């Protein structure tokens, strides 16, 4: 670890922890418009998104979703997926980000922690989302690519114990003690991720995680305010601009006052 680097990290799950929907399913319509999937797949994705928003996804549902997505994307051109995600990212994901999550990210960064997103969604979607959020590092599922196309095989699945192992690798690389680190997630499938750190917190927990959190005495947070990042940026720009104008006016006023006193003397 660099001497001037962060001394600990905070690990965030993405779906229903930082954003209000499944990041993978959210891109269903752009993928349809880009010719990657048919209308039936869009409808199935919309239904899955509805179920996910109500109850989250348990291990069986996650495995079913994984199998469906890997089968569906077999043969897709990687560059096409990248282009669609980049072109539609702000219109699709920007309005879904929880304001409470953004506040938490900023608080942890102010405390000197490295901010890491750990998500079972594909790196093609999670990495641009991470850039948009300004996080330091992303751990996500990676597909096998041959000749610029997905083979349908998974190189690394960021799920369950796989997330916890990836976190241990990040900690070893960066010199963190996971006992000093924080983690946030909504799903019982992320229990290994939460148990890997000294400061776990359940966010919008499903039934299984809510029970586990109660048994372990973990904090529980409820995020309810999705807000466009662009609107937050605009509001902050207005605040900063207003503050700058106020300071400028004060300086001008002070200069006038000093000059007036000098003339009187």
C-alpha atoms as a PDB file:
ATOM      1  CA  UNK A   1       0.000   0.000   0.000  1.00  0.00           C
ATOM      2  CA  UNK A   2       1.196   3.517  -0.776  1.00  0.00           C
ATOM      3  CA  UNK A   3       2.148   5.463   2.405  1.00  0.00           C
ATOM      4  CA  UNK A   4      -0.261   8.237   1.427  1.00  0.00           C
ATOM      5  CA  UNK A   5      -3.051   5.898   0.313  1.00  0.00           C
ATOM      6  CA  UNK A   6      -6.304   5.065   2.121  1.00  0.00           C
ATOM      7  CA  UNK A   7      -5.896   2.935   5.245  1.00  0.00           C
ATOM      8  CA  UNK A   8      -9.151   1.010   4.838  1.00  0.00           C
ATOM      9  CA  UNK A   9     -11.955   0.461   2.355  1.00  0.00           C
ATOM     10  CA  UNK A  10     -15.712   0.387   2.055  1.00  0.00           C
ATOM     11  CA  UNK A  11     -17.339  -2.246  -0.157  1.00  0.00           C
ATOM     12  CA  UNK A  12     -20.746  -1.589  -1.712  1.00  0.00           C
ATOM     13  CA  UNK A  13     -23.006  -4.055  -3.445  1.00  0.00           C
ATOM     14  CA  UNK A  14     -24.633  -2.290  -6.403  1.00  0.00           C
ATOM     15  CA  UNK A  15     -28.194  -3.440  -7.136  1.00  0.00           C
ATOM     16  CA  UNK A  16     -30.777  -2.267  -4.549  1.00  0.00           C
ATOM     17  CA  UNK A  17     -27.908  -0.954  -2.410  1.00  0.00           C
ATOM     18  CA  UNK A  18     -26.550   1.894  -4.520  1.00  0.00           C
ATOM     19  CA  UNK A  19     -29.127   1.869  -7.328  1.00  0.00           C
ATOM     20  CA  UNK A  20     -32.823   1.055  -7.070  1.00  0.00           C
ATOM     21  CA  UNK A  21     -32.949  -1.718  -9.720  1.00  0.00           C
ATOM     22  CA  UNK A  22     -30.926  -4.544 -11.205  1.00  0.00           C
ATOM     23  CA  UNK A  23     -28.167  -2.927 -13.274  1.00  0.00           C
ATOM     24  CA  UNK A  24     -28.193  -5.870 -15.715  1.00  0.00           C
ATOM     25  CA  UNK A  25     -31.956  -5.854 -16.298  1.00  0.00           C
ATOM     26  CA  UNK A  26     -32.087  -2.049 -16.510  1.00  0.00           C
ATOM     27  CA  UNK A  27     -30.381  -2.154 -19.924  1.00  0.00           C
ATOM     28  CA  UNK A  28     -33.030  -4.443 -21.465  1.00  0.00           C
ATOM     29  CA  UNK A  29     -34.633  -1.761 -23.628  1.00  0.00           C
ATOM     30  CA  UNK A  30     -31.358  -0.327 -24.992  1.00  0.00           C
ATOM     31  CA  UNK A  31     -30.196  -3.873 -25.809  1.00  0.00           C
ATOM     32  CA  UNK A  32     -33.467  -4.453 -27.667  1.00  0.00           C
ATOM     33  CA  UNK A  33     -33.126  -1.197 -29.562  1.00  0.00           C
ATOM     34  CA  UNK A  34     -29.540  -2.171 -30.406  1.00  0.00           C
ATOM     35  CA  UNK A  35     -30.717  -5.474 -31.875  1.00  0.00           C
ATOM     36  CA  UNK A  36     -29.185  -7.719 -29.192  1.00  0.00           C
ATOM     37  CA  UNK A  37     -32.418  -9.145 -27.768  1.00  0.00           C
ATOM     38  CA  UNK A  38     -35.997  -9.628 -28.934  1.00  0.00           C
ATOM     39  CA  UNK A  39     -39.235  -8.227 -27.518  1.00  0.00           C
ATOM     40  CA  UNK A  40     -39.956 -11.409 -25.561  1.00  0.00           C
ATOM     41  CA  UNK A  41     -36.646 -11.058 -23.737  1.00  0.00           C
ATOM     42  CA  UNK A  42     -37.488  -7.428 -22.924  1.00  0.00           C
ATOM     43  CA  UNK A  43     -40.821  -8.469 -21.390  1.00  0.00           C
ATOM     44  CA  UNK A  44     -39.176 -11.260 -19.388  1.00  0.00           C
ATOM     45  CA  UNK A  45     -36.581  -8.788 -18.171  1.00  0.00           C
ATOM     46  CA  UNK A  46     -39.247  -6.282 -17.159  1.00  0.00           C
ATOM     47  CA  UNK A  47     -41.065  -8.975 -15.156  1.00  0.00           C
ATOM     48  CA  UNK A  48     -37.817 -10.077 -13.511  1.00  0.00           C
ATOM     49  CA  UNK A  49     -37.065  -6.447 -12.656  1.00  0.00           C
ATOM     50  CA  UNK A  50     -40.510  -6.116 -11.046  1.00  0.00           C
ATOM     51  CA  UNK A  51     -39.985  -9.256  -8.927  1.00  0.00           C
ATOM     52  CA  UNK A  52     -36.473  -8.123  -8.004  1.00  0.00           C
ATOM     53  CA  UNK A  53     -37.735  -4.705  -6.904  1.00  0.00           C
ATOM     54  CA  UNK A  54     -40.313  -6.316  -4.620  1.00  0.00           C
ATOM     55  CA  UNK A  55     -38.363  -9.109  -2.988  1.00  0.00           C
ATOM     56  CA  UNK A  56     -34.783  -9.156  -4.225  1.00  0.00           C
ATOM     57  CA  UNK A  57     -33.257 -12.369  -5.518  1.00  0.00           C
ATOM     58  CA  UNK A  58     -32.387 -15.491  -3.550  1.00  0.00           C
ATOM     59  CA  UNK A  59     -29.759 -18.050  -4.563  1.00  0.00           C
ATOM     60  CA  UNK A  60     -32.146 -20.000  -6.827  1.00  0.00           C
ATOM     61  CA  UNK A  61     -33.339 -16.881  -8.628  1.00  0.00           C
ATOM     62  CA  UNK A  62     -29.777 -15.590  -9.013  1.00  0.00           C
ATOM     63  CA  UNK A  63     -28.681 -18.880 -10.563  1.00  0.00           C
ATOM     64  CA  UNK A  64     -31.660 -18.857 -12.938  1.00  0.00           C
ATOM     65  CA  UNK A  65     -30.896 -15.256 -13.918  1.00  0.00           C
ATOM     66  CA  UNK A  66     -27.212 -16.070 -14.430  1.00  0.00           C
ATOM     67  CA  UNK A  67     -28.036 -19.014 -16.713  1.00  0.00           C
ATOM     68  CA  UNK A  68     -30.528 -16.974 -18.752  1.00  0.00           C
ATOM     69  CA  UNK A  69     -28.185 -14.018 -19.194  1.00  0.00           C
ATOM     70  CA  UNK A  70     -25.116 -16.064 -20.153  1.00  0.00           C
ATOM     71  CA  UNK A  71     -27.165 -18.038 -22.688  1.00  0.00           C
ATOM     72  CA  UNK A  72     -28.703 -14.870 -24.101  1.00  0.00           C
ATOM     73  CA  UNK A  73     -25.421 -12.991 -24.544  1.00  0.00           C
ATOM     74  CA  UNK A  74     -23.521 -15.861 -26.196  1.00  0.00           C
ATOM     75  CA  UNK A  75     -22.180 -14.554 -29.494  1.00  0.00           C
ATOM     76  CA  UNK A  76     -22.751 -10.871 -28.734  1.00  0.00           C
ATOM     77  CA  UNK A  77     -20.013  -8.523 -29.873  1.00  0.00           C
ATOM     78  CA  UNK A  78     -18.287  -7.002 -26.868  1.00  0.00           C
ATOM     79  CA  UNK A  79     -17.768  -3.640 -28.571  1.00  0.00           C
ATOM     80  CA  UNK A  80     -21.481  -3.339 -29.329  1.00  0.00           C
ATOM     81  CA  UNK A  81     -22.378  -3.953 -25.677  1.00  0.00           C
ATOM     82  CA  UNK A  82     -19.801  -1.412 -24.522  1.00  0.00           C
ATOM     83  CA  UNK A  83     -21.130   1.200 -26.945  1.00  0.00           C
ATOM     84  CA  UNK A  84     -24.770   0.701 -25.931  1.00  0.00           C
ATOM     85  CA  UNK A  85     -23.958   0.907 -22.219  1.00  0.00           C
ATOM     86  CA  UNK A  86     -21.825   4.037 -22.621  1.00  0.00           C
ATOM     87  CA  UNK A  87     -24.420   5.774 -24.809  1.00  0.00           C
ATOM     88  CA  UNK A  88     -27.384   5.073 -22.524  1.00  0.00           C
ATOM     89  CA  UNK A  89     -25.727   4.982 -19.091  1.00  0.00           C
ATOM     90  CA  UNK A  90     -26.808   8.399 -17.851  1.00  0.00           C
ATOM     91  CA  UNK A  91     -30.396   8.133 -19.064  1.00  0.00           C
ATOM     92  CA  UNK A  92     -30.826   4.590 -17.693  1.00  0.00           C
ATOM     93  CA  UNK A  93     -28.841   4.499 -14.431  1.00  0.00           C
ATOM     94  CA  UNK A  94     -28.459   8.138 -13.398  1.00  0.00           C
ATOM     95  CA  UNK A  95     -32.101   8.472 -12.166  1.00  0.00           C
ATOM     96  CA  UNK A  96     -31.855   5.208 -10.186  1.00  0.00           C
ATOM     97  CA  UNK A  97     -29.040   6.140  -7.779  1.00  0.00           C
ATOM     98  CA  UNK A  98     -30.057   6.371  -4.129  1.00  0.00           C
ATOM     99  CA  UNK A  99     -29.270   9.788  -2.659  1.00  0.00           C
ATOM    100  CA  UNK A 100     -28.529   8.096   0.671  1.00  0.00           C
ATOM    101  CA  UNK A 101     -25.940   5.860  -1.014  1.00  0.00           C
ATOM    102  CA  UNK A 102     -24.211   8.835  -2.624  1.00  0.00           C
ATOM    103  CA  UNK A 103     -24.075  10.551   0.759  1.00  0.00           C
ATOM    104  CA  UNK A 104     -22.535   7.414   2.272  1.00  0.00           C
ATOM    105  CA  UNK A 105     -19.944   7.153  -0.505  1.00  0.00           C
ATOM    106  CA  UNK A 106     -18.939  10.753   0.075  1.00  0.00           C
ATOM    107  CA  UNK A 107     -18.781  10.302   3.856  1.00  0.00           C
ATOM    108  CA  UNK A 108     -16.525   7.261   3.578  1.00  0.00           C
ATOM    109  CA  UNK A 109     -14.297   8.998   1.046  1.00  0.00           C
ATOM    110  CA  UNK A 110     -14.026  12.003   3.385  1.00  0.00           C
ATOM    111  CA  UNK A 111     -12.973   9.575   6.121  1.00  0.00           C
ATOM    112  CA  UNK A 112     -10.094   8.434   3.899  1.00  0.00           C
ATOM    113  CA  UNK A 113     -11.444   5.055   2.778  1.00  0.00           C
ATOM    114  CA  UNK A 114     -11.115   3.553  -0.693  1.00  0.00           C
ATOM    115  CA  UNK A 115     -14.573   3.031  -2.226  1.00  0.00           C
ATOM    116  CA  UNK A 116     -15.136  -0.308  -3.981  1.00  0.00           C
ATOM    117  CA  UNK A 117     -18.227  -1.610  -5.764  1.00  0.00           C
ATOM    118  CA  UNK A 118     -18.590  -5.403  -5.668  1.00  0.00           C
ATOM    119  CA  UNK A 119     -21.364  -6.606  -7.991  1.00  0.00           C
ATOM    120  CA  UNK A 120     -22.496  -9.845  -9.610  1.00  0.00           C
ATOM    121  CA  UNK A 121     -23.533  -7.859 -12.684  1.00  0.00           C
ATOM    122  CA  UNK A 122     -21.215  -7.807 -15.682  1.00  0.00           C
ATOM    123  CA  UNK A 123     -18.106  -5.635 -15.697  1.00  0.00           C
ATOM    124  CA  UNK A 124     -19.312  -4.072 -18.969  1.00  0.00           C
ATOM    125  CA  UNK A 125     -22.112  -2.390 -17.007  1.00  0.00           C
ATOM    126  CA  UNK A 126     -20.619  -2.046 -13.537  1.00  0.00           C
ATOM    127  CA  UNK A 127     -17.352  -0.361 -14.557  1.00  0.00           C
ATOM    128  CA  UNK A 128     -19.050   2.588 -16.342  1.00  0.00           C
ATOM    129  CA  UNK A 129     -21.463   2.923 -13.413  1.00  0.00           C
ATOM    130  CA  UNK A 130     -18.473   2.982 -11.067  1.00  0.00           C
ATOM    131  CA  UNK A 131     -16.888   5.743 -13.137  1.00  0.00           C
ATOM    132  CA  UNK A 132     -20.126   7.710 -13.043  1.00  0.00           C
ATOM    133  CA  UNK A 133     -20.249   7.377  -9.256  1.00  0.00           C
ATOM    134  CA  UNK A 134     -16.572   8.234  -8.900  1.00  0.00           C
ATOM    135  CA  UNK A 135     -15.596   5.075  -6.975  1.00  0.00           C
ATOM    136  CA  UNK A 136     -11.990   3.921  -6.744  1.00  0.00           C
ATOM    137  CA  UNK A 137     -12.344   0.300  -7.809  1.00  0.00           C
ATOM    138  CA  UNK A 138     -14.876  -2.159  -9.242  1.00  0.00           C
ATOM    139  CA  UNK A 139     -15.149  -5.920  -8.766  1.00  0.00           C
ATOM    140  CA  UNK A 140     -17.698  -7.476 -11.153  1.00  0.00           C
ATOM    141  CA  UNK A 141     -18.516 -10.624 -13.088  1.00  0.00           C
ATOM    142  CA  UNK A 142     -16.319 -11.189 -16.143  1.00  0.00           C
ATOM    143  CA  UNK A 143     -17.343 -13.204 -19.186  1.00  0.00           C
ATOM    144  CA  UNK A 144     -14.984 -15.180 -21.424  1.00  0.00           C
ATOM    145  CA  UNK A 145     -14.348 -13.361 -24.715  1.00  0.00           C
ATOM    146  CA  UNK A 146     -12.961 -14.971 -27.881  1.00  0.00           C
ATOM    147  CA  UNK A 147     -12.463 -13.014 -31.113  1.00  0.00           C
ATOM    148  CA  UNK A 148     -14.381 -10.066 -29.668  1.00  0.00           C
ATOM    149  CA  UNK A 149     -17.494 -12.097 -28.795  1.00  0.00           C
ATOM    150  CA  UNK A 150     -18.859 -13.607 -25.602  1.00  0.00           C
ATOM    151  CA  UNK A 151     -18.617 -17.392 -25.490  1.00  0.00           C
ATOM    152  CA  UNK A 152     -21.328 -17.780 -22.837  1.00  0.00           C
ATOM    153  CA  UNK A 153     -18.788 -18.951 -20.260  1.00  0.00           C
ATOM    154  CA  UNK A 154     -17.941 -17.074 -17.074  1.00  0.00           C
ATOM    155  CA  UNK A 155     -14.343 -16.266 -16.229  1.00  0.00           C
ATOM    156  CA  UNK A 156     -15.137 -14.881 -12.750  1.00  0.00           C
ATOM    157  CA  UNK A 157     -18.520 -14.820 -11.028  1.00  0.00           C
ATOM    158  CA  UNK A 158     -18.697 -12.078  -8.383  1.00  0.00           C
ATOM    159  CA  UNK A 159     -21.307 -13.817  -6.291  1.00  0.00           C
ATOM    160  CA  UNK A 160     -21.552 -15.273  -2.788  1.00  0.00           C
ATOM    161  CA  UNK A 161     -18.189 -16.471  -1.529  1.00  0.00           C
ATOM    162  CA  UNK A 162     -16.638 -15.185  -4.775  1.00  0.00           C
ATOM    163  CA  UNK A 163     -17.302 -11.618  -3.608  1.00  0.00           C
ATOM    164  CA  UNK A 164     -15.692 -12.260  -0.222  1.00  0.00           C
ATOM    165  CA  UNK A 165     -12.637 -13.826  -1.847  1.00  0.00           C
ATOM    166  CA  UNK A 166     -12.251 -10.853  -4.195  1.00  0.00           C
ATOM    167  CA  UNK A 167     -12.455  -8.513  -1.197  1.00  0.00           C
ATOM    168  CA  UNK A 168      -9.724 -10.467   0.594  1.00  0.00           C
ATOM    169  CA  UNK A 169      -7.544 -10.167  -2.509  1.00  0.00           C
ATOM    170  CA  UNK A 170      -8.112  -6.406  -2.691  1.00  0.00           C
ATOM    171  CA  UNK A 171      -7.284  -6.091   1.016  1.00  0.00           C
ATOM    172  CA  UNK A 172      -4.089  -8.124   0.617  1.00  0.00           C
ATOM    173  CA  UNK A 173      -3.026  -6.056  -2.401  1.00  0.00           C
ATOM    174  CA  UNK A 174      -3.731  -2.739  -0.715  1.00  0.00           C
ATOM    175  CA  UNK A 175      -2.635  -3.654   2.795  1.00  0.00           C
ATOM    176  CA  UNK A 176      -6.035  -3.266   4.444  1.00  0.00           C
ATOM    177  CA  UNK A 177      -7.198  -5.031   7.572  1.00  0.00           C
ATOM    178  CA  UNK A 178     -10.731  -6.148   6.711  1.00  0.00           C
ATOM    179  CA  UNK A 179     -11.611  -5.782  10.378  1.00  0.00           C
ATOM    180  CA  UNK A 180     -11.313  -2.014   9.834  1.00  0.00           C
ATOM    181  CA  UNK A 181     -13.378  -2.061   6.622  1.00  0.00           C
ATOM    182  CA  UNK A 182     -17.086  -1.501   5.963  1.00  0.00           C
ATOM    183  CA  UNK A 183     -19.545  -3.296   3.663  1.00  0.00           C
ATOM    184  CA  UNK A 184     -23.126  -2.664   2.551  1.00  0.00           C
ATOM    185  CA  UNK A 185     -25.566  -5.002   0.805  1.00  0.00           C
ATOM    186  CA  UNK A 186     -29.251  -5.847   0.482  1.00  0.00           C
ATOM    187  CA  UNK A 187     -29.186  -9.615  -0.128  1.00  0.00           C
ATOM    188  CA  UNK A 188     -28.748 -12.737   1.966  1.00  0.00           C
ATOM    189  CA  UNK A 189     -26.623 -14.072  -0.901  1.00  0.00           C
ATOM    190  CA  UNK A 190     -24.044 -11.429   0.119  1.00  0.00           C
ATOM    191  CA  UNK A 191     -23.717 -12.780   3.669  1.00  0.00           C
ATOM    192  CA  UNK A 192     -20.079 -13.868   2.991  1.00  0.00           C
ATOM    193  CA  UNK A 193     -19.303 -10.323   1.783  1.00  0.00           C
ATOM    194  CA  UNK A 194     -20.751  -8.762   4.917  1.00  0.00           C
ATOM    195  CA  UNK A 195     -19.144 -11.277   7.267  1.00  0.00           C
ATOM    196  CA  UNK A 196     -15.735 -10.573   5.699  1.00  0.00           C
ATOM    197  CA  UNK A 197     -15.499  -7.082   7.234  1.00  0.00           C
ATOM    198  CA  UNK A 198     -15.544  -5.630  10.723  1.00  0.00           C
ATOM    199  CA  UNK A 199     -18.337  -3.157  10.009  1.00  0.00           C
ATOM    200  CA  UNK A 200     -21.190  -4.740   7.988  1.00  0.00           C
ATOM    201  CA  UNK A 201     -24.499  -2.971   7.317  1.00  0.00           C
ATOM    202  CA  UNK A 202     -27.663  -4.307   5.696  1.00  0.00           C
ATOM    203  CA  UNK A 203     -29.337  -1.910   3.243  1.00  0.00           C
ATOM    204  CA  UNK A 204     -32.934  -2.459   2.095  1.00  0.00           C
ATOM    205  CA  UNK A 205     -32.479  -6.079   3.232  1.00  0.00           C
ATOM    206  CA  UNK A 206     -34.465  -8.990   1.886  1.00  0.00           C
ATOM    207  CA  UNK A 207     -36.172 -11.226   4.411  1.00  0.00           C
ATOM    208  CA  UNK A 208     -33.186 -13.535   4.849  1.00  0.00           C
ATOM    209  CA  UNK A 209     -30.661 -10.751   5.367  1.00  0.00           C
ATOM    210  CA  UNK A 210     -32.977  -8.855   7.710  1.00  0.00           C
ATOM    211  CA  UNK A 211     -33.158 -11.955   9.900  1.00  0.00           C
ATOM    212  CA  UNK A 212     -29.380 -12.493   9.741  1.00  0.00           C
ATOM    213  CA  UNK A 213     -28.716  -8.836  10.592  1.00  0.00           C
ATOM    214  CA  UNK A 214     -31.024  -9.013  13.603  1.00  0.00           C
ATOM    215  CA  UNK A 215     -29.310 -12.196  14.839  1.00  0.00           C
ATOM    216  CA  UNK A 216     -25.862 -10.588  14.502  1.00  0.00           C
ATOM    217  CA  UNK A 217     -26.776  -7.120  15.760  1.00  0.00           C
ATOM    218  CA  UNK A 218     -25.851  -5.451  12.459  1.00  0.00           C
ATOM    219  CA  UNK A 219     -27.190  -1.996  11.557  1.00  0.00           C
ATOM    220  CA  UNK A 220     -30.003  -1.845   9.008  1.00  0.00           C
ATOM    221  CA  UNK A 221     -30.527   1.108   6.666  1.00  0.00           C
ATOM    222  CA  UNK A 222     -33.493   1.857   4.419  1.00  0.00           C
ATOM    223  CA  UNK A 223     -32.754   3.816   1.234  1.00  0.00           C
ATOM    224  CA  UNK A 224     -35.834   5.310  -0.417  1.00  0.00           C
ATOM    225  CA  UNK A 225     -34.726   8.348  -2.430  1.00  0.00           C
ATOM    226  CA  UNK A 226     -33.445   7.633  -5.949  1.00  0.00           C
ATOM    227  CA  UNK A 227     -32.188  10.911  -7.381  1.00  0.00           C
ATOM    228  CA  UNK A 228     -30.384  11.835 -10.581  1.00  0.00           C
ATOM    229  CA  UNK A 229     -26.703  12.480  -9.975  1.00  0.00           C
ATOM    230  CA  UNK A 230     -26.855  15.299 -12.508  1.00  0.00           C
ATOM    231  CA  UNK A 231     -29.413  17.151 -10.371  1.00  0.00           C
ATOM    232  CA  UNK A 232     -27.189  16.804  -7.287  1.00  0.00           C
ATOM    233  CA  UNK A 233     -24.254  18.190  -9.271  1.00  0.00           C
ATOM    234  CA  UNK A 234     -26.365  21.123 -10.433  1.00  0.00           C
ATOM    235  CA  UNK A 235     -27.521  21.862  -6.896  1.00  0.00           C
ATOM    236  CA  UNK A 236     -23.956  21.775  -5.583  1.00  0.00           C
ATOM    237  CA  UNK A 237     -22.750  24.003  -8.389  1.00  0.00           C
ATOM    238  CA  UNK A 238     -25.449  26.499  -7.460  1.00  0.00           C
ATOM    239  CA  UNK A 239     -24.420  26.350  -3.787  1.00  0.00           C
ATOM    240  CA  UNK A 240     -20.743  26.801  -4.622  1.00  0.00           C
ATOM    241  CA  UNK A 241     -21.518  29.611  -7.056  1.00  0.00           C
ATOM    242  CA  UNK A 242     -23.727  31.305  -4.472  1.00  0.00           C
ATOM    243  CA  UNK A 243     -20.999  30.989  -1.861  1.00  0.00           C
ATOM    244  CA  UNK A 244     -18.434  32.412  -4.267  1.00  0.00           C
ATOM    245  CA  UNK A 245     -20.686  35.384  -5.055  1.00  0.00           C
ATOM    246  CA  UNK A 246     -21.224  35.930  -1.327  1.00  0.00           C
ATOM    247  CA  UNK A 247     -17.492  35.884  -0.630  1.00  0.00           C
ATOM    248  CA  UNK A 248     -16.882  38.232  -3.565  1.00  0.00           C
ATOM    249  CA  UNK A 249     -19.472  40.667  -2.308  1.00  0.00           C
ATOM    250  CA  UNK A 250     -17.948  40.556   1.164  1.00  0.00           C
ATOM    251  CA  UNK A 251     -14.485  41.302  -0.230  1.00  0.00           C
ATOM    252  CA  UNK A 252     -15.814  44.230  -2.280  1.00  0.00           C
ATOM    253  CA  UNK A 253     -17.700  45.548   0.728  1.00  0.00           C
ATOM    254  CA  UNK A 254     -14.638  45.275   2.929  1.00  0.00           C
ATOM    255  CA  UNK A 255     -12.494  47.108   0.361  1.00  0.00           C
ATOM    256  CA  UNK A 256     -15.096  49.902   0.144  1.00  0.00           C
ATOM    257  CA  UNK A 257     -15.224  50.176   3.935  1.00  0.00           C
ATOM    258  CA  UNK A 258     -11.411  50.373   4.282  1.00  0.00           C
ATOM    259  CA  UNK A 259     -11.159  52.974   1.498  1.00  0.00           C
ATOM    260  CA  UNK A 260     -13.902  55.068   3.103  1.00  0.00           C
ATOM    261  CA  UNK A 261     -12.149  54.952   6.480  1.00  0.00           C
ATOM    262  CA  UNK A 262      -8.876  55.986   4.814  1.00  0.00           C
ATOM    263  CA  UNK A 263     -10.533  58.974   3.096  1.00  0.00           C
ATOM    264  CA  UNK A 264     -12.059  60.117   6.377  1.00  0.00           C
ATOM    265  CA  UNK A 265      -8.693  59.931   8.082  1.00  0.00           C
END
